[in-house]
Amino acid sequence: FLRMGFSISDGPELEDDFHNFTALNFPPEHPARDEQDTFFVQKNAENPQEDLVLRTHTSPVQIREMLKTAPPIRTIMPGRVYRNESVTYKSYFLFHQVEGLYIDKGVSLAELKETLITFAKMMYGNDVKYRMRPSYFPFTEPSLEMDVWWEKAKGGGRWLEILGAGM
């Protein structure tokens, strides 16, 4: 991403309610605010704005960037995130997430797709087989998902989702 003109932004893993939920338009009754989904470090029943949580996504870093930097903004936010989930062979309560934020005049879906294709080729090689599918995320419109072909050693393979994105 640095080679594509992005900077790298970082933020705290211990987040306040404003940056983790409120500034991202999570209403007070949203399920993500439940203790079943979020690790609360400090919970204040009288003033939920004072709640402290282990961040559930790297989106709070986007909020911090937008508050301190005037557009154009072109940055990625890699980091650890935490969700109160059962530990299985497929999931864990800590995982790594990378979000990108690109704010400027004239940014198009075609530019987003080209950025993602360039990323896939840099990550998996120029001969990577990829596909993009329309999708739905409540925080982007239009939205898409990107898959790469995962070739199995003994022949065959399957599509593996690597990211979701949108405008």
N, C-alpha and C. Protein backbone atom coordinates (compact mmCIF):
# COMPACT_ATOMS: atom_id res chain seq x y z
N PHE A 1 0.82 -1.20 0.00
CA PHE A 1 0.00 0.00 0.00
C PHE A 1 0.85 1.26 0.00
N LEU A 2 2.01 1.20 0.65
CA LEU A 2 2.92 2.35 0.60
C LEU A 2 3.31 2.64 -0.84
N ARG A 3 3.58 1.59 -1.63
CA ARG A 3 3.95 1.77 -3.03
C ARG A 3 2.81 2.35 -3.87
N MET A 4 1.59 2.25 -3.36
CA MET A 4 0.43 2.80 -4.06
C MET A 4 0.03 4.18 -3.52
N GLY A 5 0.89 4.76 -2.68
CA GLY A 5 0.64 6.12 -2.20
C GLY A 5 -0.15 6.24 -0.91
N PHE A 6 -0.35 5.12 -0.22
CA PHE A 6 -1.07 5.17 1.04
C PHE A 6 -0.08 5.38 2.19
N SER A 7 -0.54 6.03 3.25
CA SER A 7 0.22 6.09 4.50
C SER A 7 -0.34 5.01 5.43
N ILE A 8 0.30 4.82 6.57
CA ILE A 8 -0.17 3.84 7.55
C ILE A 8 -0.55 4.61 8.81
N SER A 9 -1.76 4.37 9.31
CA SER A 9 -2.25 5.03 10.51
C SER A 9 -2.47 4.00 11.61
N ASP A 10 -2.29 4.43 12.83
CA ASP A 10 -2.43 3.55 13.98
C ASP A 10 -3.25 4.25 15.05
N GLY A 11 -3.86 3.47 15.91
CA GLY A 11 -4.64 4.02 17.00
C GLY A 11 -4.66 3.06 18.17
N PRO A 12 -5.25 3.49 19.28
CA PRO A 12 -5.24 2.65 20.49
C PRO A 12 -6.11 1.41 20.36
N GLU A 13 -5.69 0.34 21.01
CA GLU A 13 -6.51 -0.87 21.07
C GLU A 13 -7.56 -0.76 22.15
N LEU A 14 -7.33 0.05 23.15
CA LEU A 14 -8.32 0.36 24.19
C LEU A 14 -9.03 1.63 23.75
N GLU A 15 -10.30 1.50 23.38
CA GLU A 15 -11.04 2.61 22.78
C GLU A 15 -12.17 3.09 23.67
N ASP A 16 -12.53 4.35 23.48
CA ASP A 16 -13.70 4.89 24.15
C ASP A 16 -14.94 4.65 23.28
N ASP A 17 -16.09 4.79 23.90
CA ASP A 17 -17.36 4.55 23.22
C ASP A 17 -17.51 5.44 21.99
N PHE A 18 -17.12 6.70 22.09
CA PHE A 18 -17.30 7.62 20.97
C PHE A 18 -16.61 7.11 19.71
N HIS A 19 -15.34 6.78 19.80
CA HIS A 19 -14.59 6.37 18.61
C HIS A 19 -14.99 4.97 18.12
N ASN A 20 -15.33 4.07 19.03
CA ASN A 20 -15.63 2.70 18.63
C ASN A 20 -17.08 2.53 18.15
N PHE A 21 -18.01 3.34 18.67
CA PHE A 21 -19.42 3.15 18.33
C PHE A 21 -20.13 4.43 17.86
N THR A 22 -20.16 5.44 18.70
CA THR A 22 -21.00 6.61 18.45
C THR A 22 -20.65 7.33 17.16
N ALA A 23 -19.38 7.61 16.92
CA ALA A 23 -18.98 8.34 15.71
C ALA A 23 -19.22 7.53 14.45
N LEU A 24 -19.43 6.23 14.59
CA LEU A 24 -19.70 5.36 13.45
C LEU A 24 -21.19 5.07 13.30
N ASN A 25 -22.01 5.84 14.01
CA ASN A 25 -23.47 5.76 13.94
C ASN A 25 -24.05 4.44 14.43
N PHE A 26 -23.40 3.79 15.40
CA PHE A 26 -23.99 2.63 16.06
C PHE A 26 -24.99 3.16 17.08
N PRO A 27 -26.29 2.92 16.93
CA PRO A 27 -27.25 3.42 17.91
C PRO A 27 -27.06 2.71 19.26
N PRO A 28 -27.55 3.33 20.33
CA PRO A 28 -27.36 2.75 21.68
C PRO A 28 -27.85 1.31 21.82
N GLU A 29 -28.87 0.92 21.06
CA GLU A 29 -29.43 -0.44 21.17
C GLU A 29 -28.80 -1.43 20.19
N HIS A 30 -27.77 -1.02 19.46
CA HIS A 30 -27.15 -1.90 18.45
C HIS A 30 -26.54 -3.13 19.12
N PRO A 31 -26.72 -4.33 18.53
CA PRO A 31 -26.19 -5.57 19.13
C PRO A 31 -24.68 -5.57 19.34
N ALA A 32 -23.92 -4.83 18.52
CA ALA A 32 -22.46 -4.80 18.68
C ALA A 32 -22.06 -4.20 20.02
N ARG A 33 -22.96 -3.43 20.63
CA ARG A 33 -22.66 -2.81 21.92
C ARG A 33 -22.92 -3.78 23.08
N ASP A 34 -23.46 -4.95 22.81
CA ASP A 34 -23.74 -5.93 23.86
C ASP A 34 -22.46 -6.57 24.36
N GLU A 35 -22.49 -6.98 25.61
CA GLU A 35 -21.32 -7.65 26.19
C GLU A 35 -21.07 -9.00 25.54
N GLN A 36 -22.07 -9.57 24.84
CA GLN A 36 -21.87 -10.83 24.15
C GLN A 36 -20.93 -10.65 22.96
N ASP A 37 -20.79 -9.42 22.44
CA ASP A 37 -19.97 -9.16 21.26
C ASP A 37 -18.71 -8.37 21.55
N THR A 38 -18.69 -7.63 22.64
CA THR A 38 -17.63 -6.66 22.90
C THR A 38 -17.01 -6.91 24.26
N PHE A 39 -15.69 -6.76 24.35
CA PHE A 39 -14.99 -6.83 25.63
C PHE A 39 -14.98 -5.44 26.27
N PHE A 40 -15.77 -5.26 27.31
CA PHE A 40 -15.79 -4.00 28.03
C PHE A 40 -14.72 -4.04 29.11
N VAL A 41 -13.87 -3.04 29.13
CA VAL A 41 -12.83 -2.92 30.16
C VAL A 41 -13.35 -2.07 31.30
N GLN A 42 -14.14 -1.05 30.95
CA GLN A 42 -14.76 -0.19 31.95
C GLN A 42 -16.16 0.13 31.45
N LYS A 43 -17.16 -0.20 32.26
CA LYS A 43 -18.55 0.04 31.86
C LYS A 43 -19.16 1.01 32.85
N ASN A 44 -19.75 2.08 32.33
CA ASN A 44 -20.37 3.09 33.17
C ASN A 44 -21.86 3.14 32.83
N ALA A 45 -22.69 2.53 33.68
CA ALA A 45 -24.13 2.45 33.43
C ALA A 45 -24.77 3.84 33.40
N GLU A 46 -24.24 4.78 34.19
CA GLU A 46 -24.81 6.12 34.24
C GLU A 46 -24.42 6.96 33.02
N ASN A 47 -23.23 6.71 32.47
CA ASN A 47 -22.77 7.47 31.31
C ASN A 47 -22.03 6.54 30.35
N PRO A 48 -22.76 5.89 29.43
CA PRO A 48 -22.12 4.96 28.49
C PRO A 48 -21.02 5.58 27.65
N GLN A 49 -21.03 6.91 27.48
CA GLN A 49 -19.98 7.57 26.71
C GLN A 49 -18.61 7.39 27.37
N GLU A 50 -18.59 7.03 28.65
CA GLU A 50 -17.33 6.80 29.36
C GLU A 50 -16.89 5.34 29.31
N ASP A 51 -17.66 4.48 28.62
CA ASP A 51 -17.27 3.07 28.49
C ASP A 51 -15.93 2.97 27.77
N LEU A 52 -15.12 2.01 28.19
CA LEU A 52 -13.88 1.69 27.50
C LEU A 52 -13.96 0.24 27.05
N VAL A 53 -13.58 -0.01 25.79
CA VAL A 53 -13.67 -1.35 25.22
C VAL A 53 -12.37 -1.69 24.51
N LEU A 54 -12.12 -3.00 24.35
CA LEU A 54 -11.08 -3.42 23.41
C LEU A 54 -11.70 -3.23 22.04
N ARG A 55 -11.03 -2.48 21.17
CA ARG A 55 -11.67 -2.10 19.90
C ARG A 55 -12.15 -3.34 19.14
N THR A 56 -13.33 -3.20 18.53
CA THR A 56 -13.95 -4.31 17.81
C THR A 56 -13.65 -4.27 16.32
N HIS A 57 -13.00 -3.21 15.86
CA HIS A 57 -12.62 -3.03 14.46
C HIS A 57 -11.57 -1.92 14.43
N THR A 58 -10.93 -1.72 13.30
CA THR A 58 -9.95 -0.62 13.21
C THR A 58 -10.60 0.67 12.71
N SER A 59 -11.91 0.69 12.56
CA SER A 59 -12.61 1.90 12.11
C SER A 59 -12.40 3.10 13.03
N PRO A 60 -12.22 2.93 14.35
CA PRO A 60 -11.94 4.12 15.18
C PRO A 60 -10.71 4.89 14.71
N VAL A 61 -9.76 4.20 14.09
CA VAL A 61 -8.58 4.89 13.58
C VAL A 61 -8.98 5.80 12.41
N GLN A 62 -9.96 5.35 11.61
CA GLN A 62 -10.48 6.21 10.54
C GLN A 62 -11.07 7.49 11.11
N ILE A 63 -11.85 7.36 12.18
CA ILE A 63 -12.47 8.53 12.82
C ILE A 63 -11.38 9.49 13.28
N ARG A 64 -10.36 8.97 13.95
CA ARG A 64 -9.27 9.81 14.43
C ARG A 64 -8.56 10.52 13.27
N GLU A 65 -8.33 9.80 12.16
CA GLU A 65 -7.68 10.40 10.99
C GLU A 65 -8.53 11.52 10.40
N MET A 66 -9.84 11.27 10.27
CA MET A 66 -10.71 12.29 9.68
C MET A 66 -10.82 13.52 10.56
N LEU A 67 -10.70 13.35 11.89
CA LEU A 67 -10.78 14.49 12.79
C LEU A 67 -9.51 15.34 12.77
N LYS A 68 -8.38 14.72 12.45
CA LYS A 68 -7.12 15.46 12.52
C LYS A 68 -6.53 15.85 11.16
N THR A 69 -7.00 15.23 10.06
CA THR A 69 -6.40 15.44 8.75
C THR A 69 -7.44 15.94 7.75
N ALA A 70 -7.11 17.00 7.07
CA ALA A 70 -7.99 17.49 6.01
C ALA A 70 -7.78 16.64 4.75
N PRO A 71 -8.84 16.41 3.97
CA PRO A 71 -8.67 15.67 2.72
C PRO A 71 -7.72 16.38 1.78
N PRO A 72 -7.07 15.68 0.89
CA PRO A 72 -7.25 14.25 0.63
C PRO A 72 -6.57 13.37 1.68
N ILE A 73 -7.22 12.24 1.95
CA ILE A 73 -6.69 11.24 2.88
C ILE A 73 -6.58 9.93 2.12
N ARG A 74 -5.44 9.27 2.24
CA ARG A 74 -5.22 7.97 1.60
C ARG A 74 -4.35 7.17 2.56
N THR A 75 -5.00 6.34 3.39
CA THR A 75 -4.27 5.64 4.45
C THR A 75 -4.87 4.26 4.70
N ILE A 76 -4.07 3.39 5.28
CA ILE A 76 -4.57 2.09 5.74
C ILE A 76 -4.37 2.02 7.24
N MET A 77 -5.20 1.22 7.89
CA MET A 77 -5.16 1.05 9.33
C MET A 77 -5.09 -0.43 9.69
N PRO A 78 -3.89 -0.98 9.78
CA PRO A 78 -3.79 -2.38 10.22
C PRO A 78 -3.77 -2.45 11.74
N GLY A 79 -4.30 -3.52 12.29
CA GLY A 79 -4.21 -3.64 13.74
C GLY A 79 -4.98 -4.82 14.29
N ARG A 80 -4.74 -5.07 15.57
CA ARG A 80 -5.46 -6.13 16.29
C ARG A 80 -6.83 -5.61 16.70
N VAL A 81 -7.82 -6.50 16.60
CA VAL A 81 -9.17 -6.19 17.04
C VAL A 81 -9.69 -7.37 17.86
N TYR A 82 -10.70 -7.10 18.67
CA TYR A 82 -11.17 -8.08 19.65
C TYR A 82 -12.68 -8.20 19.58
N ARG A 83 -13.15 -9.44 19.56
CA ARG A 83 -14.59 -9.70 19.60
C ARG A 83 -14.82 -10.83 20.60
N ASN A 84 -15.85 -10.69 21.38
CA ASN A 84 -16.18 -11.68 22.40
C ASN A 84 -16.87 -12.87 21.72
N GLU A 85 -16.04 -13.76 21.15
CA GLU A 85 -16.55 -14.91 20.40
C GLU A 85 -16.02 -16.21 20.98
N SER A 86 -16.74 -17.28 20.73
CA SER A 86 -16.28 -18.60 21.14
C SER A 86 -15.04 -18.96 20.32
N VAL A 87 -14.09 -19.58 20.98
CA VAL A 87 -12.87 -20.00 20.30
C VAL A 87 -13.12 -21.36 19.66
N THR A 88 -12.91 -21.42 18.33
CA THR A 88 -13.02 -22.67 17.59
C THR A 88 -11.83 -22.75 16.65
N TYR A 89 -11.76 -23.81 15.86
CA TYR A 89 -10.68 -23.90 14.88
C TYR A 89 -10.83 -22.85 13.79
N LYS A 90 -12.01 -22.24 13.65
CA LYS A 90 -12.24 -21.24 12.61
C LYS A 90 -12.29 -19.81 13.14
N SER A 91 -12.40 -19.62 14.44
CA SER A 91 -12.52 -18.26 14.97
C SER A 91 -11.80 -18.13 16.31
N TYR A 92 -11.49 -16.90 16.62
CA TYR A 92 -10.76 -16.58 17.84
C TYR A 92 -11.24 -15.22 18.31
N PHE A 93 -10.99 -14.85 19.52
CA PHE A 93 -11.46 -13.56 20.03
C PHE A 93 -10.55 -12.40 19.64
N LEU A 94 -9.37 -12.69 19.12
CA LEU A 94 -8.44 -11.67 18.64
C LEU A 94 -8.10 -11.99 17.20
N PHE A 95 -8.19 -11.00 16.33
CA PHE A 95 -7.75 -11.21 14.96
C PHE A 95 -7.20 -9.90 14.42
N HIS A 96 -6.62 -9.96 13.27
CA HIS A 96 -6.02 -8.77 12.65
C HIS A 96 -6.90 -8.29 11.51
N GLN A 97 -7.02 -7.00 11.42
CA GLN A 97 -7.85 -6.38 10.40
C GLN A 97 -7.05 -5.27 9.74
N VAL A 98 -7.30 -5.04 8.47
CA VAL A 98 -6.70 -3.91 7.75
C VAL A 98 -7.84 -3.18 7.06
N GLU A 99 -7.98 -1.91 7.36
CA GLU A 99 -8.97 -1.08 6.69
C GLU A 99 -8.24 -0.02 5.88
N GLY A 100 -8.86 0.40 4.82
CA GLY A 100 -8.32 1.49 4.02
C GLY A 100 -9.30 2.63 3.97
N LEU A 101 -8.78 3.83 3.89
CA LEU A 101 -9.61 5.02 3.79
C LEU A 101 -9.02 5.92 2.71
N TYR A 102 -9.85 6.27 1.75
CA TYR A 102 -9.41 7.13 0.65
C TYR A 102 -10.49 8.18 0.44
N ILE A 103 -10.19 9.41 0.80
CA ILE A 103 -11.13 10.51 0.66
C ILE A 103 -10.49 11.56 -0.24
N ASP A 104 -11.15 11.85 -1.34
CA ASP A 104 -10.68 12.87 -2.27
C ASP A 104 -11.82 13.17 -3.24
N LYS A 105 -11.67 14.20 -4.01
CA LYS A 105 -12.64 14.50 -5.06
C LYS A 105 -12.41 13.55 -6.22
N GLY A 106 -13.50 13.10 -6.84
CA GLY A 106 -13.40 12.31 -8.05
C GLY A 106 -13.00 10.86 -7.87
N VAL A 107 -13.01 10.34 -6.67
CA VAL A 107 -12.67 8.93 -6.46
C VAL A 107 -13.81 8.07 -7.01
N SER A 108 -13.47 7.04 -7.76
CA SER A 108 -14.51 6.22 -8.41
C SER A 108 -14.42 4.76 -7.98
N LEU A 109 -15.48 4.03 -8.25
CA LEU A 109 -15.49 2.60 -7.99
C LEU A 109 -14.43 1.91 -8.84
N ALA A 110 -14.22 2.39 -10.06
CA ALA A 110 -13.19 1.81 -10.92
C ALA A 110 -11.81 1.95 -10.28
N GLU A 111 -11.56 3.07 -9.63
CA GLU A 111 -10.27 3.27 -8.95
C GLU A 111 -10.14 2.33 -7.75
N LEU A 112 -11.24 2.14 -7.00
CA LEU A 112 -11.22 1.20 -5.88
C LEU A 112 -10.90 -0.20 -6.39
N LYS A 113 -11.57 -0.63 -7.46
CA LYS A 113 -11.33 -1.97 -8.00
C LYS A 113 -9.88 -2.13 -8.46
N GLU A 114 -9.34 -1.13 -9.14
CA GLU A 114 -7.95 -1.20 -9.60
C GLU A 114 -6.98 -1.28 -8.42
N THR A 115 -7.26 -0.55 -7.34
CA THR A 115 -6.42 -0.62 -6.13
C THR A 115 -6.45 -2.03 -5.55
N LEU A 116 -7.63 -2.63 -5.48
CA LEU A 116 -7.76 -3.98 -4.92
C LEU A 116 -7.10 -5.03 -5.81
N ILE A 117 -7.23 -4.89 -7.12
CA ILE A 117 -6.57 -5.82 -8.05
C ILE A 117 -5.06 -5.70 -7.92
N THR A 118 -4.56 -4.47 -7.83
CA THR A 118 -3.12 -4.26 -7.66
C THR A 118 -2.66 -4.90 -6.36
N PHE A 119 -3.42 -4.72 -5.28
CA PHE A 119 -3.09 -5.35 -4.00
C PHE A 119 -3.03 -6.87 -4.16
N ALA A 120 -4.04 -7.47 -4.77
CA ALA A 120 -4.09 -8.93 -4.92
C ALA A 120 -2.89 -9.44 -5.71
N LYS A 121 -2.51 -8.73 -6.77
CA LYS A 121 -1.35 -9.15 -7.57
C LYS A 121 -0.05 -9.00 -6.80
N MET A 122 0.07 -7.94 -6.00
CA MET A 122 1.28 -7.76 -5.20
C MET A 122 1.37 -8.82 -4.09
N MET A 123 0.23 -9.20 -3.56
CA MET A 123 0.19 -10.15 -2.44
C MET A 123 0.33 -11.60 -2.92
N TYR A 124 -0.34 -11.95 -4.01
CA TYR A 124 -0.44 -13.34 -4.44
C TYR A 124 0.25 -13.64 -5.77
N GLY A 125 0.80 -12.63 -6.43
CA GLY A 125 1.47 -12.82 -7.71
C GLY A 125 0.62 -12.34 -8.87
N ASN A 126 1.28 -11.97 -9.97
CA ASN A 126 0.59 -11.42 -11.13
C ASN A 126 -0.39 -12.39 -11.78
N ASP A 127 -0.20 -13.70 -11.57
CA ASP A 127 -1.08 -14.68 -12.19
C ASP A 127 -2.26 -15.08 -11.29
N VAL A 128 -2.49 -14.33 -10.22
CA VAL A 128 -3.57 -14.67 -9.30
C VAL A 128 -4.91 -14.65 -10.03
N LYS A 129 -5.74 -15.64 -9.73
CA LYS A 129 -7.11 -15.66 -10.24
C LYS A 129 -7.98 -15.00 -9.18
N TYR A 130 -8.72 -14.00 -9.57
CA TYR A 130 -9.56 -13.27 -8.62
C TYR A 130 -10.92 -13.02 -9.24
N ARG A 131 -11.86 -12.71 -8.37
CA ARG A 131 -13.18 -12.28 -8.82
C ARG A 131 -13.72 -11.27 -7.80
N MET A 132 -14.57 -10.40 -8.28
CA MET A 132 -15.25 -9.43 -7.43
C MET A 132 -16.74 -9.67 -7.56
N ARG A 133 -17.41 -9.65 -6.42
CA ARG A 133 -18.85 -9.90 -6.39
C ARG A 133 -19.57 -8.74 -5.72
N PRO A 134 -20.75 -8.36 -6.22
CA PRO A 134 -21.53 -7.35 -5.50
C PRO A 134 -21.87 -7.89 -4.11
N SER A 135 -21.93 -7.02 -3.13
CA SER A 135 -22.24 -7.44 -1.77
C SER A 135 -23.01 -6.33 -1.07
N TYR A 136 -23.30 -6.54 0.20
CA TYR A 136 -23.98 -5.53 0.99
C TYR A 136 -23.24 -5.34 2.30
N PHE A 137 -22.89 -4.12 2.60
CA PHE A 137 -22.40 -3.72 3.92
C PHE A 137 -23.16 -2.45 4.28
N PRO A 138 -23.63 -2.33 5.52
CA PRO A 138 -24.44 -1.16 5.87
C PRO A 138 -23.65 0.15 5.87
N PHE A 139 -22.33 0.07 5.77
CA PHE A 139 -21.51 1.28 5.87
C PHE A 139 -20.89 1.70 4.55
N THR A 140 -21.17 0.99 3.44
CA THR A 140 -20.68 1.40 2.12
C THR A 140 -21.77 1.16 1.07
N GLU A 141 -21.75 1.97 0.02
CA GLU A 141 -22.68 1.81 -1.10
C GLU A 141 -22.05 2.43 -2.34
N PRO A 142 -21.77 1.68 -3.37
CA PRO A 142 -21.96 0.23 -3.50
C PRO A 142 -20.88 -0.54 -2.73
N SER A 143 -21.13 -1.82 -2.53
CA SER A 143 -20.22 -2.70 -1.81
C SER A 143 -19.85 -3.89 -2.67
N LEU A 144 -18.69 -4.46 -2.39
CA LEU A 144 -18.26 -5.66 -3.11
C LEU A 144 -17.39 -6.53 -2.21
N GLU A 145 -17.24 -7.77 -2.61
CA GLU A 145 -16.32 -8.70 -1.97
C GLU A 145 -15.35 -9.20 -3.03
N MET A 146 -14.14 -9.53 -2.60
CA MET A 146 -13.13 -10.03 -3.53
C MET A 146 -12.68 -11.40 -3.06
N ASP A 147 -12.60 -12.33 -4.01
CA ASP A 147 -12.14 -13.69 -3.75
C ASP A 147 -10.91 -13.97 -4.60
N VAL A 148 -10.07 -14.87 -4.11
CA VAL A 148 -8.97 -15.41 -4.91
C VAL A 148 -9.14 -16.91 -4.99
N TRP A 149 -8.63 -17.49 -6.08
CA TRP A 149 -8.71 -18.94 -6.27
C TRP A 149 -7.61 -19.59 -5.45
N TRP A 150 -8.00 -20.53 -4.59
CA TRP A 150 -7.07 -21.25 -3.73
C TRP A 150 -6.89 -22.65 -4.32
N GLU A 151 -5.79 -22.83 -5.01
CA GLU A 151 -5.50 -24.12 -5.67
C GLU A 151 -5.03 -25.12 -4.62
N LYS A 152 -5.62 -26.31 -4.63
CA LYS A 152 -5.20 -27.36 -3.70
C LYS A 152 -4.04 -28.14 -4.30
N ALA A 153 -3.17 -28.64 -3.45
CA ALA A 153 -1.96 -29.34 -3.89
C ALA A 153 -2.29 -30.59 -4.71
N LYS A 154 -3.41 -31.25 -4.40
CA LYS A 154 -3.76 -32.49 -5.11
C LYS A 154 -4.78 -32.24 -6.21
N GLY A 155 -4.85 -31.02 -6.68
CA GLY A 155 -5.79 -30.70 -7.76
C GLY A 155 -7.07 -30.08 -7.23
N GLY A 156 -7.74 -29.37 -8.09
CA GLY A 156 -8.97 -28.69 -7.68
C GLY A 156 -8.66 -27.45 -6.87
N GLY A 157 -9.66 -26.92 -6.26
CA GLY A 157 -9.50 -25.74 -5.44
C GLY A 157 -10.84 -25.12 -5.13
N ARG A 158 -10.79 -23.92 -4.56
CA ARG A 158 -12.03 -23.23 -4.23
C ARG A 158 -11.75 -21.73 -4.13
N TRP A 159 -12.82 -20.95 -4.21
CA TRP A 159 -12.71 -19.52 -4.04
C TRP A 159 -12.62 -19.20 -2.55
N LEU A 160 -11.72 -18.28 -2.22
CA LEU A 160 -11.51 -17.87 -0.83
C LEU A 160 -11.72 -16.36 -0.75
N GLU A 161 -12.68 -15.94 0.07
CA GLU A 161 -12.92 -14.51 0.23
C GLU A 161 -11.74 -13.89 0.97
N ILE A 162 -11.21 -12.78 0.41
CA ILE A 162 -10.09 -12.11 1.09
C ILE A 162 -10.45 -10.73 1.61
N LEU A 163 -11.52 -10.12 1.10
CA LEU A 163 -11.84 -8.77 1.60
C LEU A 163 -13.23 -8.35 1.18
N GLY A 164 -13.74 -7.39 1.92
CA GLY A 164 -14.93 -6.67 1.56
C GLY A 164 -14.55 -5.20 1.40
N ALA A 165 -15.25 -4.50 0.53
CA ALA A 165 -14.90 -3.10 0.26
C ALA A 165 -16.13 -2.36 -0.25
N GLY A 166 -15.99 -1.05 -0.35
CA GLY A 166 -17.07 -0.26 -0.90
C GLY A 166 -16.77 1.21 -0.87
N MET A 167 -17.71 1.95 -1.43
CA MET A 167 -17.57 3.41 -1.51
C MET A 167 -18.30 4.05 -0.34
